[in-house]
Amino acid sequence: MSEPASRLLAAPVPACVLAYFHPGQGGDAWRRLLAHPPRMVVLNLGDGPGEAKDPAFPPLVARLLAAGTEVLGYVDTDFGLRPVAEVRADLRRYRAWYGVRGVFLDQTAAGEDRLGHYREIVDGVRGTIVLNPGVYPDPRYADLADVLVTFDGPLSAYKAMREPAWARSLARGRFCHLVHDVPSRQLEPTMRRAVRFAGLAYATDRSGPQPWGDLPAYHGRPLVAG
């Protein structure tokens, strides 16, 4: 029996999966992730690359890259308070130890007063640059990144999110939305909303202080974007 038309895949929803879990912590998150590799994965070993290379990750990164997934290294910037030298040192470790192709700068500031700080961080950085202020920032942050995460929060707040006028002049692929506390029944409506504003999106049914610490129950499920 064929699926109802409302359940058919109208267009793929490119996903940016936040992989904030370790293969040795139990569960099968990495197995499931490799079984359904997404468009992009953010590798997080504990708010950065760690103090020493973790041998569990290079083969996992290699498999994702072979599947065509873009792998980024997670770095916390503490809303522009973390020194540039520390952030750039983390970027070098990710590239040298794990072969990532870009960077995901989390807890990015959103105001114009920290623009110079982030301009210095990204200057000369190779590969994809994603900044995550979690809100629509000063529009000049778009000049510093390939992708801006302009929403990062629970579904309850996502419903009230509004796009500023400046963002409408840029391609949807320049934006990413990350939504947690999304029950299965709300997944498709949430993705339909996401693709109106962002070319990359990720939703999870997880909640709590670290909703990205495991994959959602519906990981790998075809999503309707049309």
N, C-alpha and C. Protein backbone atom coordinates (compact mmCIF):
# COMPACT_ATOMS: atom_id res chain seq x y z
N MET A 1 0.86 -1.20 0.00
CA MET A 1 0.00 0.00 0.00
C MET A 1 0.88 1.23 0.00
N SER A 2 0.59 2.19 -0.87
CA SER A 2 1.41 3.40 -0.94
C SER A 2 1.07 4.32 0.22
N GLU A 3 2.06 5.21 0.56
CA GLU A 3 1.85 6.15 1.64
C GLU A 3 0.91 7.26 1.21
N PRO A 4 0.18 7.87 2.14
CA PRO A 4 -0.64 9.02 1.79
C PRO A 4 0.21 10.13 1.22
N ALA A 5 -0.38 10.94 0.35
CA ALA A 5 0.38 12.01 -0.31
C ALA A 5 1.02 12.94 0.71
N SER A 6 0.36 13.18 1.84
CA SER A 6 0.90 14.09 2.84
C SER A 6 2.15 13.54 3.48
N ARG A 7 2.41 12.23 3.32
CA ARG A 7 3.58 11.62 3.94
C ARG A 7 4.72 11.42 2.95
N LEU A 8 4.49 11.68 1.67
CA LEU A 8 5.54 11.47 0.69
C LEU A 8 6.58 12.56 0.79
N LEU A 9 7.81 12.20 0.42
CA LEU A 9 8.91 13.15 0.49
C LEU A 9 8.83 14.10 -0.69
N ALA A 10 8.44 15.33 -0.45
CA ALA A 10 8.35 16.32 -1.52
C ALA A 10 9.73 16.81 -1.91
N ALA A 11 10.61 17.01 -0.96
CA ALA A 11 11.98 17.42 -1.19
C ALA A 11 12.76 17.12 0.07
N PRO A 12 14.02 16.71 -0.05
CA PRO A 12 14.79 16.40 1.16
C PRO A 12 15.04 17.64 1.99
N VAL A 13 15.03 17.48 3.29
CA VAL A 13 15.35 18.57 4.20
C VAL A 13 16.79 18.38 4.64
N PRO A 14 17.73 19.18 4.14
CA PRO A 14 19.12 19.01 4.56
C PRO A 14 19.25 19.23 6.06
N ALA A 15 19.86 18.26 6.72
CA ALA A 15 19.94 18.30 8.19
C ALA A 15 21.35 18.62 8.65
N CYS A 16 21.43 19.43 9.70
CA CYS A 16 22.69 19.70 10.40
C CYS A 16 22.56 19.04 11.77
N VAL A 17 23.11 17.83 11.90
CA VAL A 17 22.96 17.06 13.14
C VAL A 17 24.05 17.45 14.13
N LEU A 18 23.64 17.80 15.34
CA LEU A 18 24.58 18.11 16.40
C LEU A 18 24.93 16.80 17.13
N ALA A 19 26.12 16.28 16.86
CA ALA A 19 26.54 15.00 17.43
C ALA A 19 27.32 15.24 18.72
N TYR A 20 26.57 15.50 19.77
CA TYR A 20 27.17 15.80 21.06
C TYR A 20 27.16 14.53 21.93
N PHE A 21 27.59 13.41 21.34
CA PHE A 21 27.59 12.14 22.05
C PHE A 21 28.83 11.35 21.64
N HIS A 22 29.28 10.49 22.55
CA HIS A 22 30.50 9.72 22.35
C HIS A 22 30.14 8.28 22.03
N PRO A 23 30.88 7.62 21.13
CA PRO A 23 30.56 6.22 20.80
C PRO A 23 30.69 5.27 21.97
N GLY A 24 31.42 5.67 23.01
CA GLY A 24 31.59 4.78 24.15
C GLY A 24 30.65 5.05 25.31
N GLN A 25 29.68 5.95 25.13
CA GLN A 25 28.82 6.31 26.27
C GLN A 25 27.60 5.41 26.39
N GLY A 26 27.49 4.43 25.52
CA GLY A 26 26.32 3.56 25.55
C GLY A 26 25.31 4.02 24.52
N GLY A 27 24.35 3.18 24.23
CA GLY A 27 23.37 3.53 23.21
C GLY A 27 23.92 3.26 21.82
N ASP A 28 23.12 3.57 20.82
CA ASP A 28 23.51 3.26 19.45
C ASP A 28 23.44 4.49 18.56
N ALA A 29 23.68 5.67 19.14
CA ALA A 29 23.52 6.91 18.38
C ALA A 29 24.45 6.96 17.17
N TRP A 30 25.71 6.59 17.35
CA TRP A 30 26.64 6.67 16.22
C TRP A 30 26.30 5.65 15.15
N ARG A 31 25.85 4.47 15.55
CA ARG A 31 25.45 3.48 14.55
C ARG A 31 24.29 4.01 13.72
N ARG A 32 23.32 4.62 14.38
CA ARG A 32 22.16 5.17 13.67
C ARG A 32 22.55 6.36 12.80
N LEU A 33 23.49 7.16 13.29
CA LEU A 33 23.93 8.31 12.51
C LEU A 33 24.62 7.87 11.22
N LEU A 34 25.49 6.86 11.33
CA LEU A 34 26.20 6.36 10.16
C LEU A 34 25.26 5.63 9.19
N ALA A 35 24.19 5.06 9.72
CA ALA A 35 23.22 4.37 8.86
C ALA A 35 22.42 5.36 8.02
N HIS A 36 22.25 6.58 8.53
CA HIS A 36 21.51 7.62 7.81
C HIS A 36 22.32 8.92 7.88
N PRO A 37 23.42 8.99 7.15
CA PRO A 37 24.29 10.17 7.24
C PRO A 37 23.60 11.42 6.70
N PRO A 38 23.61 12.51 7.45
CA PRO A 38 22.93 13.73 7.03
C PRO A 38 23.82 14.62 6.17
N ARG A 39 23.31 15.76 5.82
CA ARG A 39 24.08 16.73 5.03
C ARG A 39 25.28 17.25 5.80
N MET A 40 25.11 17.50 7.09
CA MET A 40 26.17 18.11 7.91
C MET A 40 26.11 17.53 9.32
N VAL A 41 27.29 17.33 9.93
CA VAL A 41 27.38 16.86 11.31
C VAL A 41 28.34 17.79 12.06
N VAL A 42 27.93 18.20 13.26
CA VAL A 42 28.78 18.99 14.14
C VAL A 42 29.35 18.06 15.19
N LEU A 43 30.66 17.89 15.17
CA LEU A 43 31.36 16.99 16.09
C LEU A 43 31.72 17.75 17.35
N ASN A 44 31.22 17.28 18.49
CA ASN A 44 31.48 17.94 19.77
C ASN A 44 32.01 16.93 20.77
N LEU A 45 33.26 17.12 21.19
CA LEU A 45 33.89 16.19 22.13
C LEU A 45 33.87 16.72 23.55
N GLY A 46 33.10 17.75 23.80
CA GLY A 46 33.04 18.34 25.12
C GLY A 46 33.33 19.82 25.06
N ASP A 47 32.54 20.54 24.28
CA ASP A 47 32.70 21.98 24.07
C ASP A 47 34.03 22.32 23.40
N GLY A 48 34.59 21.37 22.67
CA GLY A 48 35.84 21.58 21.97
C GLY A 48 36.47 20.26 21.60
N PRO A 49 37.71 20.28 21.06
CA PRO A 49 38.34 19.03 20.61
C PRO A 49 38.99 18.21 21.71
N GLY A 50 39.00 18.74 22.95
CA GLY A 50 39.67 18.04 24.03
C GLY A 50 41.14 18.38 24.10
N GLU A 51 41.80 17.86 25.12
CA GLU A 51 43.22 18.14 25.32
C GLU A 51 44.11 17.15 24.61
N ALA A 52 43.56 16.04 24.19
CA ALA A 52 44.33 15.02 23.47
C ALA A 52 43.42 14.35 22.45
N LYS A 53 44.02 13.81 21.41
CA LYS A 53 43.25 13.18 20.35
C LYS A 53 42.51 11.95 20.89
N ASP A 54 41.23 11.84 20.57
CA ASP A 54 40.41 10.69 20.97
C ASP A 54 40.39 9.70 19.81
N PRO A 55 40.98 8.52 19.97
CA PRO A 55 41.09 7.58 18.84
C PRO A 55 39.76 7.02 18.36
N ALA A 56 38.69 7.22 19.11
CA ALA A 56 37.40 6.68 18.69
C ALA A 56 36.81 7.45 17.51
N PHE A 57 37.22 8.71 17.32
CA PHE A 57 36.53 9.55 16.35
C PHE A 57 37.08 9.57 14.93
N PRO A 58 38.39 9.48 14.69
CA PRO A 58 38.86 9.56 13.30
C PRO A 58 38.18 8.58 12.33
N PRO A 59 37.98 7.30 12.71
CA PRO A 59 37.30 6.40 11.75
C PRO A 59 35.84 6.78 11.52
N LEU A 60 35.18 7.34 12.52
CA LEU A 60 33.79 7.77 12.36
C LEU A 60 33.71 8.97 11.43
N VAL A 61 34.62 9.92 11.62
CA VAL A 61 34.66 11.09 10.75
C VAL A 61 34.94 10.65 9.31
N ALA A 62 35.87 9.72 9.14
CA ALA A 62 36.23 9.25 7.80
C ALA A 62 35.02 8.62 7.11
N ARG A 63 34.22 7.88 7.84
CA ARG A 63 33.04 7.24 7.24
C ARG A 63 32.00 8.29 6.84
N LEU A 64 31.83 9.31 7.67
CA LEU A 64 30.89 10.37 7.32
C LEU A 64 31.36 11.12 6.07
N LEU A 65 32.65 11.44 6.02
CA LEU A 65 33.18 12.14 4.86
C LEU A 65 33.03 11.30 3.59
N ALA A 66 33.26 10.00 3.72
CA ALA A 66 33.12 9.12 2.56
C ALA A 66 31.68 9.06 2.08
N ALA A 67 30.73 9.28 2.99
CA ALA A 67 29.30 9.27 2.63
C ALA A 67 28.84 10.61 2.08
N GLY A 68 29.74 11.58 2.03
CA GLY A 68 29.38 12.89 1.51
C GLY A 68 28.90 13.88 2.55
N THR A 69 29.01 13.52 3.83
CA THR A 69 28.60 14.42 4.91
C THR A 69 29.71 15.41 5.21
N GLU A 70 29.34 16.65 5.41
CA GLU A 70 30.30 17.67 5.81
C GLU A 70 30.41 17.64 7.33
N VAL A 71 31.62 17.52 7.86
CA VAL A 71 31.83 17.41 9.31
C VAL A 71 32.51 18.68 9.81
N LEU A 72 31.90 19.31 10.80
CA LEU A 72 32.42 20.54 11.39
C LEU A 72 32.83 20.28 12.84
N GLY A 73 33.84 21.01 13.29
CA GLY A 73 34.26 20.91 14.68
C GLY A 73 33.60 21.97 15.54
N TYR A 74 33.07 21.56 16.68
CA TYR A 74 32.38 22.47 17.60
C TYR A 74 33.38 23.22 18.47
N VAL A 75 33.21 24.54 18.55
CA VAL A 75 34.02 25.36 19.44
C VAL A 75 33.11 26.37 20.14
N ASP A 76 33.20 26.43 21.46
CA ASP A 76 32.45 27.40 22.25
C ASP A 76 33.20 28.73 22.25
N THR A 77 32.50 29.82 21.93
CA THR A 77 33.14 31.14 21.92
C THR A 77 32.70 32.02 23.09
N ASP A 78 31.82 31.51 23.94
CA ASP A 78 31.39 32.22 25.15
C ASP A 78 30.89 33.64 24.83
N PHE A 79 30.08 33.74 23.79
CA PHE A 79 29.45 35.00 23.41
C PHE A 79 30.47 36.13 23.19
N GLY A 80 31.60 35.75 22.62
CA GLY A 80 32.62 36.74 22.28
C GLY A 80 33.59 37.05 23.39
N LEU A 81 33.51 36.33 24.51
CA LEU A 81 34.41 36.58 25.63
C LEU A 81 35.65 35.68 25.63
N ARG A 82 35.60 34.59 24.90
CA ARG A 82 36.74 33.69 24.86
C ARG A 82 37.83 34.26 23.96
N PRO A 83 39.10 34.24 24.40
CA PRO A 83 40.18 34.84 23.60
C PRO A 83 40.29 34.21 22.22
N VAL A 84 40.63 35.05 21.25
CA VAL A 84 40.77 34.59 19.88
C VAL A 84 41.80 33.47 19.78
N ALA A 85 42.91 33.59 20.47
CA ALA A 85 43.97 32.58 20.38
C ALA A 85 43.49 31.21 20.84
N GLU A 86 42.64 31.16 21.88
CA GLU A 86 42.12 29.87 22.37
C GLU A 86 41.19 29.24 21.33
N VAL A 87 40.32 30.06 20.75
CA VAL A 87 39.39 29.54 19.75
C VAL A 87 40.14 29.00 18.55
N ARG A 88 41.11 29.73 18.06
CA ARG A 88 41.85 29.29 16.88
C ARG A 88 42.71 28.07 17.17
N ALA A 89 43.17 27.93 18.42
CA ALA A 89 43.91 26.72 18.79
C ALA A 89 43.00 25.49 18.71
N ASP A 90 41.76 25.64 19.12
CA ASP A 90 40.80 24.54 19.01
C ASP A 90 40.55 24.18 17.54
N LEU A 91 40.46 25.19 16.70
CA LEU A 91 40.25 24.93 15.28
C LEU A 91 41.40 24.12 14.70
N ARG A 92 42.61 24.43 15.07
CA ARG A 92 43.78 23.70 14.55
C ARG A 92 43.77 22.25 15.03
N ARG A 93 43.39 22.03 16.29
CA ARG A 93 43.34 20.66 16.81
C ARG A 93 42.31 19.82 16.07
N TYR A 94 41.14 20.38 15.85
CA TYR A 94 40.11 19.63 15.12
C TYR A 94 40.61 19.21 13.74
N ARG A 95 41.22 20.13 13.04
CA ARG A 95 41.67 19.83 11.68
C ARG A 95 42.79 18.79 11.70
N ALA A 96 43.74 18.94 12.62
CA ALA A 96 44.89 18.04 12.68
C ALA A 96 44.52 16.66 13.18
N TRP A 97 43.63 16.58 14.16
CA TRP A 97 43.31 15.30 14.81
C TRP A 97 42.19 14.54 14.11
N TYR A 98 41.21 15.25 13.58
CA TYR A 98 39.99 14.58 13.10
C TYR A 98 39.66 14.85 11.63
N GLY A 99 40.41 15.74 10.99
CA GLY A 99 40.20 15.96 9.57
C GLY A 99 38.88 16.63 9.22
N VAL A 100 38.34 17.44 10.14
CA VAL A 100 37.08 18.12 9.87
C VAL A 100 37.28 19.16 8.77
N ARG A 101 36.20 19.52 8.11
CA ARG A 101 36.27 20.42 6.95
C ARG A 101 35.75 21.82 7.25
N GLY A 102 35.43 22.09 8.51
CA GLY A 102 34.91 23.40 8.84
C GLY A 102 34.71 23.53 10.34
N VAL A 103 34.06 24.62 10.74
CA VAL A 103 33.92 24.92 12.16
C VAL A 103 32.51 25.40 12.46
N PHE A 104 32.04 25.02 13.66
CA PHE A 104 30.75 25.45 14.19
C PHE A 104 31.06 26.25 15.44
N LEU A 105 30.97 27.57 15.34
CA LEU A 105 31.28 28.45 16.47
C LEU A 105 30.00 28.70 17.26
N ASP A 106 29.93 28.07 18.43
CA ASP A 106 28.72 28.13 19.24
C ASP A 106 28.77 29.31 20.21
N GLN A 107 27.59 29.64 20.75
CA GLN A 107 27.45 30.76 21.68
C GLN A 107 28.12 32.00 21.10
N THR A 108 27.77 32.27 19.85
CA THR A 108 28.27 33.46 19.17
C THR A 108 27.50 34.68 19.65
N ALA A 109 28.19 35.79 19.83
CA ALA A 109 27.52 37.04 20.16
C ALA A 109 26.65 37.47 18.98
N ALA A 110 25.73 38.36 19.23
CA ALA A 110 24.82 38.83 18.18
C ALA A 110 24.91 40.33 17.93
N GLY A 111 25.57 41.06 18.84
CA GLY A 111 25.62 42.52 18.73
C GLY A 111 26.80 43.04 17.94
N GLU A 112 26.67 44.26 17.47
CA GLU A 112 27.72 44.84 16.64
C GLU A 112 29.02 45.05 17.41
N ASP A 113 28.97 45.15 18.74
CA ASP A 113 30.17 45.41 19.52
C ASP A 113 31.18 44.27 19.47
N ARG A 114 30.77 43.04 19.09
CA ARG A 114 31.70 41.92 19.04
C ARG A 114 32.04 41.51 17.61
N LEU A 115 31.63 42.27 16.63
CA LEU A 115 31.91 41.93 15.24
C LEU A 115 33.40 41.82 14.98
N GLY A 116 34.18 42.75 15.49
CA GLY A 116 35.62 42.72 15.27
C GLY A 116 36.26 41.48 15.84
N HIS A 117 35.77 41.03 16.99
CA HIS A 117 36.29 39.82 17.63
C HIS A 117 36.09 38.61 16.73
N TYR A 118 34.90 38.47 16.19
CA TYR A 118 34.62 37.32 15.33
C TYR A 118 35.29 37.45 13.97
N ARG A 119 35.46 38.67 13.49
CA ARG A 119 36.18 38.86 12.24
C ARG A 119 37.62 38.35 12.40
N GLU A 120 38.21 38.59 13.55
CA GLU A 120 39.57 38.12 13.81
C GLU A 120 39.61 36.60 13.93
N ILE A 121 38.59 36.00 14.55
CA ILE A 121 38.56 34.54 14.69
C ILE A 121 38.52 33.86 13.34
N VAL A 122 37.67 34.32 12.44
CA VAL A 122 37.44 33.60 11.18
C VAL A 122 38.43 33.99 10.09
N ASP A 123 39.23 35.01 10.31
CA ASP A 123 40.16 35.47 9.28
C ASP A 123 41.11 34.34 8.87
N GLY A 124 41.05 33.95 7.61
CA GLY A 124 41.95 32.92 7.08
C GLY A 124 41.52 31.49 7.37
N VAL A 125 40.41 31.30 8.07
CA VAL A 125 39.95 29.94 8.37
C VAL A 125 39.45 29.26 7.10
N ARG A 126 39.93 28.05 6.85
CA ARG A 126 39.51 27.31 5.66
C ARG A 126 38.28 26.47 5.96
N GLY A 127 37.51 26.20 4.93
CA GLY A 127 36.33 25.36 5.07
C GLY A 127 35.10 26.14 5.48
N THR A 128 34.03 25.41 5.71
CA THR A 128 32.74 26.01 6.05
C THR A 128 32.77 26.63 7.44
N ILE A 129 32.25 27.82 7.56
CA ILE A 129 32.16 28.52 8.84
C ILE A 129 30.68 28.70 9.19
N VAL A 130 30.28 28.14 10.32
CA VAL A 130 28.92 28.30 10.83
C VAL A 130 29.00 29.06 12.14
N LEU A 131 28.25 30.14 12.26
CA LEU A 131 28.14 30.89 13.50
C LEU A 131 26.78 30.63 14.12
N ASN A 132 26.76 30.39 15.42
CA ASN A 132 25.50 30.10 16.10
C ASN A 132 25.20 31.11 17.20
N PRO A 133 24.61 32.25 16.85
CA PRO A 133 24.09 33.14 17.89
C PRO A 133 22.74 32.68 18.42
N GLY A 134 22.07 31.79 17.65
CA GLY A 134 20.78 31.26 18.08
C GLY A 134 19.62 32.21 17.87
N VAL A 135 19.93 33.41 17.39
CA VAL A 135 18.93 34.42 17.07
C VAL A 135 19.41 35.13 15.81
N TYR A 136 18.57 35.98 15.24
CA TYR A 136 19.02 36.79 14.12
C TYR A 136 19.93 37.90 14.67
N PRO A 137 21.21 37.90 14.29
CA PRO A 137 22.16 38.87 14.84
C PRO A 137 22.21 40.14 14.01
N ASP A 138 23.12 41.02 14.36
CA ASP A 138 23.44 42.14 13.50
C ASP A 138 23.71 41.58 12.10
N PRO A 139 23.11 42.16 11.06
CA PRO A 139 23.23 41.56 9.73
C PRO A 139 24.65 41.42 9.21
N ARG A 140 25.59 42.15 9.77
CA ARG A 140 26.98 42.06 9.30
C ARG A 140 27.65 40.75 9.69
N TYR A 141 27.05 39.99 10.62
CA TYR A 141 27.59 38.67 10.92
C TYR A 141 27.48 37.74 9.72
N ALA A 142 26.54 38.01 8.84
CA ALA A 142 26.40 37.19 7.64
C ALA A 142 27.62 37.28 6.74
N ASP A 143 28.37 38.39 6.84
CA ASP A 143 29.58 38.54 6.04
C ASP A 143 30.72 37.67 6.56
N LEU A 144 30.59 37.17 7.77
CA LEU A 144 31.68 36.40 8.40
C LEU A 144 31.48 34.90 8.29
N ALA A 145 30.32 34.46 7.84
CA ALA A 145 30.00 33.03 7.90
C ALA A 145 29.37 32.56 6.60
N ASP A 146 29.51 31.26 6.37
CA ASP A 146 28.79 30.63 5.28
C ASP A 146 27.34 30.37 5.68
N VAL A 147 27.15 30.05 6.98
CA VAL A 147 25.82 29.75 7.50
C VAL A 147 25.67 30.40 8.86
N LEU A 148 24.52 31.01 9.11
CA LEU A 148 24.17 31.54 10.42
C LEU A 148 23.05 30.69 11.02
N VAL A 149 23.23 30.25 12.27
CA VAL A 149 22.14 29.60 13.00
C VAL A 149 21.32 30.71 13.64
N THR A 150 20.15 30.94 13.12
CA THR A 150 19.34 32.07 13.58
C THR A 150 18.17 31.65 14.47
N PHE A 151 18.09 30.35 14.74
CA PHE A 151 17.21 29.88 15.81
C PHE A 151 17.83 28.64 16.43
N ASP A 152 17.88 28.60 17.75
CA ASP A 152 18.38 27.45 18.50
C ASP A 152 17.62 27.44 19.82
N GLY A 153 16.59 26.59 19.89
CA GLY A 153 15.78 26.59 21.10
C GLY A 153 14.62 25.63 21.00
N PRO A 154 13.68 25.70 21.97
CA PRO A 154 12.55 24.77 22.01
C PRO A 154 11.46 25.13 21.02
N LEU A 155 10.63 24.15 20.71
CA LEU A 155 9.53 24.36 19.79
C LEU A 155 8.60 25.46 20.28
N SER A 156 8.39 25.56 21.59
CA SER A 156 7.48 26.58 22.12
C SER A 156 7.92 27.99 21.73
N ALA A 157 9.24 28.21 21.68
CA ALA A 157 9.75 29.53 21.28
C ALA A 157 9.79 29.66 19.76
N TYR A 158 9.97 28.55 19.07
CA TYR A 158 10.08 28.59 17.61
C TYR A 158 8.79 29.10 16.96
N LYS A 159 7.70 28.79 17.56
CA LYS A 159 6.42 29.22 17.01
C LYS A 159 6.28 30.74 17.00
N ALA A 160 7.04 31.42 17.86
CA ALA A 160 6.96 32.88 17.93
C ALA A 160 8.10 33.56 17.17
N MET A 161 9.00 32.79 16.55
CA MET A 161 10.14 33.35 15.84
C MET A 161 9.69 34.18 14.65
N ARG A 162 10.34 35.33 14.47
CA ARG A 162 10.02 36.20 13.34
C ARG A 162 11.32 36.53 12.61
N GLU A 163 11.25 36.50 11.27
CA GLU A 163 12.41 36.79 10.43
C GLU A 163 12.52 38.29 10.17
N PRO A 164 13.71 38.89 10.40
CA PRO A 164 13.86 40.31 10.10
C PRO A 164 13.96 40.56 8.60
N ALA A 165 13.72 41.78 8.20
CA ALA A 165 13.69 42.12 6.78
C ALA A 165 15.03 41.85 6.09
N TRP A 166 16.16 42.10 6.80
CA TRP A 166 17.46 41.96 6.14
C TRP A 166 17.72 40.53 5.71
N ALA A 167 17.18 39.56 6.44
CA ALA A 167 17.45 38.16 6.14
C ALA A 167 16.74 37.71 4.86
N ARG A 168 15.68 38.38 4.49
CA ARG A 168 14.90 37.95 3.33
C ARG A 168 15.63 38.16 2.01
N SER A 169 16.68 38.98 2.04
CA SER A 169 17.43 39.23 0.81
C SER A 169 18.53 38.20 0.57
N LEU A 170 18.76 37.33 1.55
CA LEU A 170 19.80 36.31 1.43
C LEU A 170 19.18 34.96 1.11
N ALA A 171 19.98 34.09 0.49
CA ALA A 171 19.51 32.75 0.15
C ALA A 171 19.20 31.96 1.41
N ARG A 172 18.18 31.09 1.33
CA ARG A 172 17.81 30.27 2.48
C ARG A 172 18.97 29.40 2.96
N GLY A 173 19.86 29.03 2.03
CA GLY A 173 21.00 28.20 2.39
C GLY A 173 22.00 28.87 3.30
N ARG A 174 21.84 30.16 3.52
CA ARG A 174 22.74 30.88 4.44
C ARG A 174 22.29 30.76 5.89
N PHE A 175 21.17 30.07 6.13
CA PHE A 175 20.61 30.00 7.48
C PHE A 175 20.35 28.55 7.91
N CYS A 176 20.39 28.35 9.22
CA CYS A 176 20.10 27.04 9.82
C CYS A 176 19.24 27.27 11.06
N HIS A 177 18.25 26.38 11.26
CA HIS A 177 17.41 26.42 12.46
C HIS A 177 17.53 25.10 13.21
N LEU A 178 17.70 25.18 14.52
CA LEU A 178 17.85 24.02 15.39
C LEU A 178 16.75 24.06 16.44
N VAL A 179 15.90 23.04 16.45
CA VAL A 179 14.70 23.07 17.30
C VAL A 179 14.65 21.80 18.14
N HIS A 180 14.53 21.95 19.45
CA HIS A 180 14.38 20.77 20.31
C HIS A 180 13.01 20.74 20.98
N ASP A 181 12.74 19.68 21.70
CA ASP A 181 11.43 19.44 22.32
C ASP A 181 10.33 19.36 21.25
N VAL A 182 10.63 18.66 20.16
CA VAL A 182 9.68 18.51 19.06
C VAL A 182 9.15 17.07 19.07
N PRO A 183 7.92 16.84 19.54
CA PRO A 183 7.37 15.49 19.52
C PRO A 183 7.15 15.01 18.09
N SER A 184 7.07 13.71 17.94
CA SER A 184 6.95 13.13 16.60
C SER A 184 5.81 13.73 15.80
N ARG A 185 4.67 13.96 16.44
CA ARG A 185 3.50 14.47 15.72
C ARG A 185 3.71 15.89 15.21
N GLN A 186 4.69 16.59 15.79
CA GLN A 186 4.95 17.97 15.38
C GLN A 186 6.16 18.09 14.45
N LEU A 187 6.79 16.98 14.13
CA LEU A 187 8.01 17.03 13.34
C LEU A 187 7.78 17.63 11.95
N GLU A 188 6.81 17.09 11.22
CA GLU A 188 6.61 17.59 9.86
C GLU A 188 6.16 19.05 9.82
N PRO A 189 5.21 19.47 10.66
CA PRO A 189 4.88 20.91 10.66
C PRO A 189 6.08 21.79 11.01
N THR A 190 6.92 21.31 11.91
CA THR A 190 8.10 22.08 12.28
C THR A 190 9.06 22.20 11.11
N MET A 191 9.27 21.11 10.36
CA MET A 191 10.16 21.16 9.21
C MET A 191 9.57 22.02 8.09
N ARG A 192 8.26 21.98 7.94
CA ARG A 192 7.64 22.84 6.92
C ARG A 192 7.89 24.31 7.25
N ARG A 193 7.82 24.64 8.52
CA ARG A 193 8.11 26.02 8.93
C ARG A 193 9.59 26.33 8.73
N ALA A 194 10.45 25.40 9.07
CA ALA A 194 11.89 25.64 8.99
C ALA A 194 12.34 25.96 7.57
N VAL A 195 11.86 25.21 6.60
CA VAL A 195 12.34 25.41 5.23
C VAL A 195 11.84 26.71 4.61
N ARG A 196 10.92 27.39 5.26
CA ARG A 196 10.54 28.72 4.79
C ARG A 196 11.63 29.74 5.07
N PHE A 197 12.47 29.44 6.08
CA PHE A 197 13.46 30.41 6.54
C PHE A 197 14.90 29.94 6.43
N ALA A 198 15.12 28.63 6.34
CA ALA A 198 16.48 28.11 6.44
C ALA A 198 16.71 26.95 5.48
N GLY A 199 17.92 26.89 4.93
CA GLY A 199 18.27 25.79 4.03
C GLY A 199 18.77 24.57 4.76
N LEU A 200 19.14 24.73 6.03
CA LEU A 200 19.53 23.62 6.89
C LEU A 200 18.66 23.65 8.13
N ALA A 201 18.27 22.48 8.63
CA ALA A 201 17.45 22.42 9.83
C ALA A 201 17.69 21.10 10.55
N TYR A 202 17.41 21.12 11.85
CA TYR A 202 17.51 19.90 12.63
C TYR A 202 16.53 20.01 13.78
N ALA A 203 15.75 18.96 13.96
CA ALA A 203 14.79 18.92 15.06
C ALA A 203 15.01 17.63 15.85
N THR A 204 14.78 17.73 17.15
CA THR A 204 14.89 16.55 18.01
C THR A 204 13.76 16.53 19.01
N ASP A 205 13.37 15.33 19.40
CA ASP A 205 12.36 15.19 20.44
C ASP A 205 12.97 15.24 21.84
N ARG A 206 14.29 15.35 21.90
CA ARG A 206 14.98 15.38 23.20
C ARG A 206 14.78 16.74 23.87
N SER A 207 14.92 16.73 25.19
CA SER A 207 14.80 17.96 25.97
C SER A 207 15.86 17.94 27.06
N GLY A 208 15.70 18.82 28.03
CA GLY A 208 16.65 18.87 29.13
C GLY A 208 17.81 19.80 28.84
N PRO A 209 18.81 19.81 29.73
CA PRO A 209 19.93 20.75 29.58
C PRO A 209 20.78 20.50 28.33
N GLN A 210 20.79 19.26 27.82
CA GLN A 210 21.56 18.97 26.61
C GLN A 210 20.72 18.12 25.66
N PRO A 211 19.82 18.76 24.92
CA PRO A 211 18.94 18.00 24.02
C PRO A 211 19.67 17.37 22.85
N TRP A 212 20.90 17.80 22.58
CA TRP A 212 21.66 17.26 21.45
C TRP A 212 22.55 16.10 21.88
N GLY A 213 22.38 15.59 23.09
CA GLY A 213 23.23 14.52 23.61
C GLY A 213 22.86 13.14 23.11
N ASP A 214 21.87 13.02 22.25
CA ASP A 214 21.47 11.76 21.63
C ASP A 214 20.68 12.09 20.38
N LEU A 215 20.50 11.11 19.53
CA LEU A 215 19.68 11.33 18.34
C LEU A 215 18.20 11.24 18.70
N PRO A 216 17.35 11.94 17.97
CA PRO A 216 15.92 11.80 18.21
C PRO A 216 15.43 10.41 17.81
N ALA A 217 14.32 10.03 18.38
CA ALA A 217 13.75 8.72 18.05
C ALA A 217 13.43 8.60 16.57
N TYR A 218 13.14 9.72 15.91
CA TYR A 218 12.75 9.68 14.50
C TYR A 218 13.91 9.94 13.55
N HIS A 219 15.15 9.84 14.01
CA HIS A 219 16.29 10.04 13.10
C HIS A 219 16.22 9.04 11.94
N GLY A 220 16.42 9.55 10.72
CA GLY A 220 16.37 8.69 9.53
C GLY A 220 15.02 8.63 8.87
N ARG A 221 14.01 9.19 9.50
CA ARG A 221 12.67 9.19 8.93
C ARG A 221 12.59 10.21 7.79
N PRO A 222 12.04 9.84 6.62
CA PRO A 222 11.88 10.82 5.54
C PRO A 222 11.00 12.00 5.98
N LEU A 223 11.40 13.19 5.60
CA LEU A 223 10.68 14.38 6.00
C LEU A 223 10.08 15.09 4.80
N VAL A 224 8.90 15.65 5.00
CA VAL A 224 8.25 16.43 3.96
C VAL A 224 8.70 17.87 4.09
N ALA A 225 9.19 18.43 2.99
CA ALA A 225 9.60 19.83 3.00
C ALA A 225 8.69 20.69 2.15
N GLY A 226 7.91 20.09 1.27
CA GLY A 226 7.07 20.88 0.37
C GLY A 226 5.73 21.22 0.96
